[in-house]
Amino acid sequence: MKLLYNPASPFARKVRAAAIELGLGDRIQLELTLVAPCKPNKDYASSHNPLRKIPALVTDGGMTIFDSTVICEYLDAMAGGATLVPREGDARWRVLTNHALAQGMCEAAVQVRYETWLRPEALRWQDFAIDQWDRIDTGIAWFERHAAELAGPVNLAHLTLGCTLGYLDFRWPERDWRTPNPAVAAWFSALKQRPSFALTAPENPPAS
């Protein structure tokens, strides 16, 4: 299998971490792929994802799968199923709901990055960035109040939340989300020791 990715992307990291957790890390070849708003990668759009988003997974059979959540579900099925997302019952809906929250937080963080770094300074919308930060902070606070949801075997929601927090540390190391959220901070500190996170730390791609 081949994963088209960017080492700075929290969504690509989610897939890489999932593969390692599932014992499939050595089955995936990484291929650096650069995409960004207002910088169309037409080859990638025509061959893999018309939305020009990463990651995309090319399976051993030649099928292309996107986005990160769908890829994680595909890998989970490859590994026998129900490891990252319970198969049925309330546990399934809790994991999927927690994942939706963590995924939304991750999307908000990427929007802040675009708004405060990629958009020309004269066009930046401060209130929009503030609103995205509020979504992130409110999400972390929710997990702090519901720390029991962080217990147990690593699931899809855990991977997504961990990648989101890692992205915050990567892009905004000066931002202190830990002090008001000690339970989440302790959980994330332990998560970072797992091979799935230790081996996938975000980094800027090589200069083109």
C-alpha atoms as a PDB file:
ATOM      1  CA  MET A   1       0.000   0.000   0.000  1.00  0.00           C
ATOM      2  CA  LYS A   2       1.068   3.573  -0.600  1.00  0.00           C
ATOM      3  CA  LEU A   3       0.092   6.566   1.526  1.00  0.00           C
ATOM      4  CA  LEU A   4       0.236   9.984  -0.095  1.00  0.00           C
ATOM      5  CA  TYR A   5       0.937  12.296   2.804  1.00  0.00           C
ATOM      6  CA  ASN A   6       2.644  15.340   4.285  1.00  0.00           C
ATOM      7  CA  PRO A   7       4.652  14.860   7.509  1.00  0.00           C
ATOM      8  CA  ALA A   8       3.135  18.021   8.984  1.00  0.00           C
ATOM      9  CA  SER A   9      -0.468  16.933   8.443  1.00  0.00           C
ATOM     10  CA  PRO A  10      -2.335  15.763  11.563  1.00  0.00           C
ATOM     11  CA  PHE A  11      -4.732  13.840   9.330  1.00  0.00           C
ATOM     12  CA  ALA A  12      -1.890  11.925   7.684  1.00  0.00           C
ATOM     13  CA  ARG A  13      -0.417  11.291  11.120  1.00  0.00           C
ATOM     14  CA  LYS A  14      -3.729   9.805  12.237  1.00  0.00           C
ATOM     15  CA  VAL A  15      -3.511   7.232   9.460  1.00  0.00           C
ATOM     16  CA  ARG A  16       0.155   6.467  10.122  1.00  0.00           C
ATOM     17  CA  ALA A  17      -0.508   6.050  13.849  1.00  0.00           C
ATOM     18  CA  ALA A  18      -3.513   3.839  13.138  1.00  0.00           C
ATOM     19  CA  ALA A  19      -1.443   1.611  10.860  1.00  0.00           C
ATOM     20  CA  ILE A  20       1.194   1.144  13.567  1.00  0.00           C
ATOM     21  CA  GLU A  21      -1.416   0.439  16.250  1.00  0.00           C
ATOM     22  CA  LEU A  22      -2.946  -2.184  13.963  1.00  0.00           C
ATOM     23  CA  GLY A  23       0.379  -3.842  13.139  1.00  0.00           C
ATOM     24  CA  LEU A  24       0.270  -2.650   9.535  1.00  0.00           C
ATOM     25  CA  GLY A  25       2.933   0.036   9.649  1.00  0.00           C
ATOM     26  CA  ASP A  26       5.446  -1.949   7.625  1.00  0.00           C
ATOM     27  CA  ARG A  27       2.856  -2.550   4.900  1.00  0.00           C
ATOM     28  CA  ILE A  28       2.648   1.132   3.955  1.00  0.00           C
ATOM     29  CA  GLN A  29       5.018   3.028   1.675  1.00  0.00           C
ATOM     30  CA  LEU A  30       5.038   6.801   2.221  1.00  0.00           C
ATOM     31  CA  GLU A  31       4.973   9.220  -0.694  1.00  0.00           C
ATOM     32  CA  LEU A  32       5.379  12.941  -0.003  1.00  0.00           C
ATOM     33  CA  THR A  33       2.548  14.909  -1.580  1.00  0.00           C
ATOM     34  CA  LEU A  34       2.284  18.689  -1.371  1.00  0.00           C
ATOM     35  CA  VAL A  35      -1.116  20.339  -1.470  1.00  0.00           C
ATOM     36  CA  ALA A  36      -2.288  23.694  -0.124  1.00  0.00           C
ATOM     37  CA  PRO A  37      -5.229  26.053  -0.565  1.00  0.00           C
ATOM     38  CA  CYS A  38      -4.875  28.227  -3.671  1.00  0.00           C
ATOM     39  CA  LYS A  39      -1.990  26.065  -4.889  1.00  0.00           C
ATOM     40  CA  PRO A  40      -3.726  23.400  -6.960  1.00  0.00           C
ATOM     41  CA  ASN A  41      -1.908  20.105  -7.442  1.00  0.00           C
ATOM     42  CA  LYS A  42      -3.715  19.140 -10.628  1.00  0.00           C
ATOM     43  CA  ASP A  43      -1.924  15.832 -11.031  1.00  0.00           C
ATOM     44  CA  TYR A  44      -2.959  14.737  -7.556  1.00  0.00           C
ATOM     45  CA  ALA A  45      -6.515  15.979  -8.106  1.00  0.00           C
ATOM     46  CA  SER A  46      -6.911  13.999 -11.296  1.00  0.00           C
ATOM     47  CA  SER A  47      -5.197  10.832 -10.116  1.00  0.00           C
ATOM     48  CA  HIS A  48      -6.141  10.508  -6.439  1.00  0.00           C
ATOM     49  CA  ASN A  49      -8.447  13.048  -4.766  1.00  0.00           C
ATOM     50  CA  PRO A  50     -10.399  15.712  -6.668  1.00  0.00           C
ATOM     51  CA  LEU A  51     -10.680  17.691  -3.423  1.00  0.00           C
ATOM     52  CA  ARG A  52      -6.854  17.948  -3.332  1.00  0.00           C
ATOM     53  CA  LYS A  53      -6.723  16.872   0.311  1.00  0.00           C
ATOM     54  CA  ILE A  54      -4.331  14.480   1.972  1.00  0.00           C
ATOM     55  CA  PRO A  55      -3.915  11.742   2.918  1.00  0.00           C
ATOM     56  CA  ALA A  56      -4.956   9.262   0.268  1.00  0.00           C
ATOM     57  CA  LEU A  57      -4.215   5.555   0.389  1.00  0.00           C
ATOM     58  CA  VAL A  58      -3.562   3.451  -2.693  1.00  0.00           C
ATOM     59  CA  THR A  59      -4.375  -0.129  -1.794  1.00  0.00           C
ATOM     60  CA  ASP A  60      -2.479  -3.196  -2.941  1.00  0.00           C
ATOM     61  CA  GLY A  61      -5.279  -3.707  -5.461  1.00  0.00           C
ATOM     62  CA  GLY A  62      -4.824  -0.212  -6.902  1.00  0.00           C
ATOM     63  CA  MET A  63      -7.915   1.416  -5.395  1.00  0.00           C
ATOM     64  CA  THR A  64      -7.537   4.913  -3.935  1.00  0.00           C
ATOM     65  CA  ILE A  65      -9.216   5.624  -0.592  1.00  0.00           C
ATOM     66  CA  PHE A  66      -9.693   8.962   1.166  1.00  0.00           C
ATOM     67  CA  ASP A  67     -10.156  10.708   3.657  1.00  0.00           C
ATOM     68  CA  SER A  68      -8.249   9.928   6.878  1.00  0.00           C
ATOM     69  CA  THR A  69     -11.272   8.487   8.678  1.00  0.00           C
ATOM     70  CA  VAL A  70     -12.213   6.212   5.788  1.00  0.00           C
ATOM     71  CA  ILE A  71      -8.593   5.068   5.485  1.00  0.00           C
ATOM     72  CA  CYS A  72      -8.487   4.241   9.207  1.00  0.00           C
ATOM     73  CA  GLU A  73     -11.684   2.227   8.877  1.00  0.00           C
ATOM     74  CA  TYR A  74     -10.182   0.374   5.905  1.00  0.00           C
ATOM     75  CA  LEU A  75      -7.040  -0.448   7.876  1.00  0.00           C
ATOM     76  CA  ASP A  76      -9.123  -1.511  10.872  1.00  0.00           C
ATOM     77  CA  ALA A  77     -11.038  -3.909   8.628  1.00  0.00           C
ATOM     78  CA  MET A  78      -7.768  -5.249   7.211  1.00  0.00           C
ATOM     79  CA  ALA A  79      -6.600  -6.017  10.736  1.00  0.00           C
ATOM     80  CA  GLY A  80      -9.763  -7.945  11.560  1.00  0.00           C
ATOM     81  CA  GLY A  81     -12.099  -5.123  12.528  1.00  0.00           C
ATOM     82  CA  ALA A  82     -13.397  -3.577  15.749  1.00  0.00           C
ATOM     83  CA  THR A  83      -9.969  -2.573  17.068  1.00  0.00           C
ATOM     84  CA  LEU A  84     -10.230   1.181  16.465  1.00  0.00           C
ATOM     85  CA  VAL A  85     -14.039   1.370  16.399  1.00  0.00           C
ATOM     86  CA  PRO A  86     -16.226  -1.099  18.323  1.00  0.00           C
ATOM     87  CA  ARG A  87     -18.461  -3.101  16.070  1.00  0.00           C
ATOM     88  CA  GLU A  88     -21.773  -2.430  17.814  1.00  0.00           C
ATOM     89  CA  GLY A  89     -23.561  -1.158  20.889  1.00  0.00           C
ATOM     90  CA  ASP A  90     -23.190   2.031  22.871  1.00  0.00           C
ATOM     91  CA  ALA A  91     -19.405   1.746  22.813  1.00  0.00           C
ATOM     92  CA  ARG A  92     -19.425   2.162  19.034  1.00  0.00           C
ATOM     93  CA  TRP A  93     -21.479   5.343  19.156  1.00  0.00           C
ATOM     94  CA  ARG A  94     -19.390   6.791  21.981  1.00  0.00           C
ATOM     95  CA  VAL A  95     -16.166   6.281  20.015  1.00  0.00           C
ATOM     96  CA  LEU A  96     -17.667   7.704  16.836  1.00  0.00           C
ATOM     97  CA  THR A  97     -19.081  10.720  18.672  1.00  0.00           C
ATOM     98  CA  ASN A  98     -15.795  11.359  20.473  1.00  0.00           C
ATOM     99  CA  HIS A  99     -14.045  11.010  17.144  1.00  0.00           C
ATOM    100  CA  ALA A 100     -16.368  13.576  15.554  1.00  0.00           C
ATOM    101  CA  LEU A 101     -15.442  16.036  18.290  1.00  0.00           C
ATOM    102  CA  ALA A 102     -11.708  15.412  17.967  1.00  0.00           C
ATOM    103  CA  GLN A 103     -11.901  15.566  14.173  1.00  0.00           C
ATOM    104  CA  GLY A 104     -13.737  18.895  14.342  1.00  0.00           C
ATOM    105  CA  MET A 105     -11.073  20.246  16.687  1.00  0.00           C
ATOM    106  CA  CYS A 106      -8.376  19.135  14.263  1.00  0.00           C
ATOM    107  CA  GLU A 107     -10.142  20.797  11.354  1.00  0.00           C
ATOM    108  CA  ALA A 108     -10.443  23.998  13.396  1.00  0.00           C
ATOM    109  CA  ALA A 109      -6.710  23.938  14.140  1.00  0.00           C
ATOM    110  CA  VAL A 110      -5.901  23.629  10.448  1.00  0.00           C
ATOM    111  CA  GLN A 111      -8.254  26.536   9.725  1.00  0.00           C
ATOM    112  CA  VAL A 112      -6.369  28.670  12.262  1.00  0.00           C
ATOM    113  CA  ARG A 113      -3.125  27.748  10.525  1.00  0.00           C
ATOM    114  CA  TYR A 114      -4.489  28.790   7.148  1.00  0.00           C
ATOM    115  CA  GLU A 115      -6.017  31.994   8.486  1.00  0.00           C
ATOM    116  CA  THR A 116      -2.977  33.168  10.448  1.00  0.00           C
ATOM    117  CA  TRP A 117      -0.160  31.948   8.216  1.00  0.00           C
ATOM    118  CA  LEU A 118      -1.290  31.223   4.660  1.00  0.00           C
ATOM    119  CA  ARG A 119      -3.819  34.001   4.120  1.00  0.00           C
ATOM    120  CA  PRO A 120      -2.237  37.382   3.203  1.00  0.00           C
ATOM    121  CA  GLU A 121      -1.963  39.463   6.359  1.00  0.00           C
ATOM    122  CA  ALA A 122      -4.181  42.262   5.068  1.00  0.00           C
ATOM    123  CA  LEU A 123      -7.014  39.769   4.489  1.00  0.00           C
ATOM    124  CA  ARG A 124      -6.843  37.863   7.762  1.00  0.00           C
ATOM    125  CA  TRP A 125     -10.064  37.624   9.767  1.00  0.00           C
ATOM    126  CA  GLN A 126      -9.179  37.740  13.452  1.00  0.00           C
ATOM    127  CA  ASP A 127     -12.672  36.960  14.718  1.00  0.00           C
ATOM    128  CA  PHE A 128     -12.719  33.796  12.612  1.00  0.00           C
ATOM    129  CA  ALA A 129      -9.438  32.619  14.129  1.00  0.00           C
ATOM    130  CA  ILE A 130     -10.686  33.410  17.624  1.00  0.00           C
ATOM    131  CA  ASP A 131     -13.825  31.383  16.954  1.00  0.00           C
ATOM    132  CA  GLN A 132     -11.783  28.398  15.773  1.00  0.00           C
ATOM    133  CA  TRP A 133      -9.598  28.577  18.879  1.00  0.00           C
ATOM    134  CA  ASP A 134     -12.738  28.603  21.019  1.00  0.00           C
ATOM    135  CA  ARG A 135     -13.905  25.392  19.354  1.00  0.00           C
ATOM    136  CA  ILE A 136     -10.544  23.787  20.086  1.00  0.00           C
ATOM    137  CA  ASP A 137     -10.395  24.974  23.692  1.00  0.00           C
ATOM    138  CA  THR A 138     -13.994  23.953  24.335  1.00  0.00           C
ATOM    139  CA  GLY A 139     -13.291  20.527  22.876  1.00  0.00           C
ATOM    140  CA  ILE A 140     -10.241  19.960  25.080  1.00  0.00           C
ATOM    141  CA  ALA A 141     -12.251  21.089  28.098  1.00  0.00           C
ATOM    142  CA  TRP A 142     -14.973  18.559  27.203  1.00  0.00           C
ATOM    143  CA  PHE A 143     -12.452  15.721  27.212  1.00  0.00           C
ATOM    144  CA  GLU A 144     -11.080  17.061  30.508  1.00  0.00           C
ATOM    145  CA  ARG A 145     -14.552  16.832  32.054  1.00  0.00           C
ATOM    146  CA  HIS A 146     -15.105  13.396  30.518  1.00  0.00           C
ATOM    147  CA  ALA A 147     -11.645  11.959  31.119  1.00  0.00           C
ATOM    148  CA  ALA A 148     -13.121   8.467  31.452  1.00  0.00           C
ATOM    149  CA  GLU A 149     -13.518   8.526  27.658  1.00  0.00           C
ATOM    150  CA  LEU A 150      -9.709   8.550  27.388  1.00  0.00           C
ATOM    151  CA  ALA A 151      -9.342   5.271  29.262  1.00  0.00           C
ATOM    152  CA  GLY A 152      -9.043   1.827  27.747  1.00  0.00           C
ATOM    153  CA  PRO A 153      -7.428   0.567  24.551  1.00  0.00           C
ATOM    154  CA  VAL A 154      -6.486   3.144  21.945  1.00  0.00           C
ATOM    155  CA  ASN A 155      -9.364   3.819  19.587  1.00  0.00           C
ATOM    156  CA  LEU A 156     -10.045   6.104  16.623  1.00  0.00           C
ATOM    157  CA  ALA A 157     -11.114   9.016  18.805  1.00  0.00           C
ATOM    158  CA  HIS A 158      -7.927   8.734  20.863  1.00  0.00           C
ATOM    159  CA  LEU A 159      -5.761   8.764  17.749  1.00  0.00           C
ATOM    160  CA  THR A 160      -7.523  11.815  16.387  1.00  0.00           C
ATOM    161  CA  LEU A 161      -7.378  13.743  19.653  1.00  0.00           C
ATOM    162  CA  GLY A 162      -3.707  12.859  20.082  1.00  0.00           C
ATOM    163  CA  CYS A 163      -2.884  14.056  16.570  1.00  0.00           C
ATOM    164  CA  THR A 164      -4.783  17.283  17.207  1.00  0.00           C
ATOM    165  CA  LEU A 165      -2.896  17.996  20.427  1.00  0.00           C
ATOM    166  CA  GLY A 166       0.374  17.130  18.724  1.00  0.00           C
ATOM    167  CA  TYR A 167      -0.451  19.564  15.932  1.00  0.00           C
ATOM    168  CA  LEU A 168      -1.134  22.320  18.482  1.00  0.00           C
ATOM    169  CA  ASP A 169       2.269  21.709  20.074  1.00  0.00           C
ATOM    170  CA  PHE A 170       3.919  21.640  16.652  1.00  0.00           C
ATOM    171  CA  ARG A 171       2.415  24.855  15.290  1.00  0.00           C
ATOM    172  CA  TRP A 172       1.849  26.837  18.489  1.00  0.00           C
ATOM    173  CA  PRO A 173       4.304  25.558  21.137  1.00  0.00           C
ATOM    174  CA  GLU A 174       3.754  28.714  23.161  1.00  0.00           C
ATOM    175  CA  ARG A 175       0.053  28.011  23.650  1.00  0.00           C
ATOM    176  CA  ASP A 176      -0.607  26.445  27.052  1.00  0.00           C
ATOM    177  CA  TRP A 177      -3.554  24.088  26.768  1.00  0.00           C
ATOM    178  CA  ARG A 178      -2.144  21.778  29.452  1.00  0.00           C
ATOM    179  CA  THR A 179      -2.505  23.882  32.613  1.00  0.00           C
ATOM    180  CA  PRO A 180      -6.315  24.079  32.521  1.00  0.00           C
ATOM    181  CA  ASN A 181      -6.596  20.454  31.365  1.00  0.00           C
ATOM    182  CA  PRO A 182      -4.304  18.314  33.547  1.00  0.00           C
ATOM    183  CA  ALA A 183      -6.101  15.012  32.919  1.00  0.00           C
ATOM    184  CA  VAL A 184      -5.869  15.427  29.143  1.00  0.00           C
ATOM    185  CA  ALA A 185      -2.250  16.542  29.487  1.00  0.00           C
ATOM    186  CA  ALA A 186      -1.326  13.428  31.501  1.00  0.00           C
ATOM    187  CA  TRP A 187      -3.122  11.181  29.023  1.00  0.00           C
ATOM    188  CA  PHE A 188      -1.371  12.797  26.069  1.00  0.00           C
ATOM    189  CA  SER A 189       2.022  12.516  27.756  1.00  0.00           C
ATOM    190  CA  ALA A 190       1.512   8.758  28.039  1.00  0.00           C
ATOM    191  CA  LEU A 191       0.140   8.470  24.501  1.00  0.00           C
ATOM    192  CA  LYS A 192       3.250  10.128  23.069  1.00  0.00           C
ATOM    193  CA  GLN A 193       5.362   7.271  24.408  1.00  0.00           C
ATOM    194  CA  ARG A 194       3.593   4.730  22.230  1.00  0.00           C
ATOM    195  CA  PRO A 195       5.454   3.797  19.020  1.00  0.00           C
ATOM    196  CA  SER A 196       2.487   4.983  16.965  1.00  0.00           C
ATOM    197  CA  PHE A 197       3.095   8.527  18.160  1.00  0.00           C
ATOM    198  CA  ALA A 198       6.820   8.474  18.869  1.00  0.00           C
ATOM    199  CA  LEU A 199       7.486   7.418  15.261  1.00  0.00           C
ATOM    200  CA  THR A 200       5.098   9.868  13.620  1.00  0.00           C
ATOM    201  CA  ALA A 201       5.953  13.225  15.217  1.00  0.00           C
ATOM    202  CA  PRO A 202       4.997  16.070  12.867  1.00  0.00           C
ATOM    203  CA  GLU A 203       7.671  17.909  10.926  1.00  0.00           C
ATOM    204  CA  ASN A 204       7.818  20.354   8.068  1.00  0.00           C
ATOM    205  CA  PRO A 205       8.287  18.741   4.657  1.00  0.00           C
ATOM    206  CA  PRO A 206      11.549  19.275   2.787  1.00  0.00           C
ATOM    207  CA  ALA A 207      11.735  22.547   0.914  1.00  0.00           C
ATOM    208  CA  SER A 208      10.787  22.088  -2.711  1.00  0.00           C
END
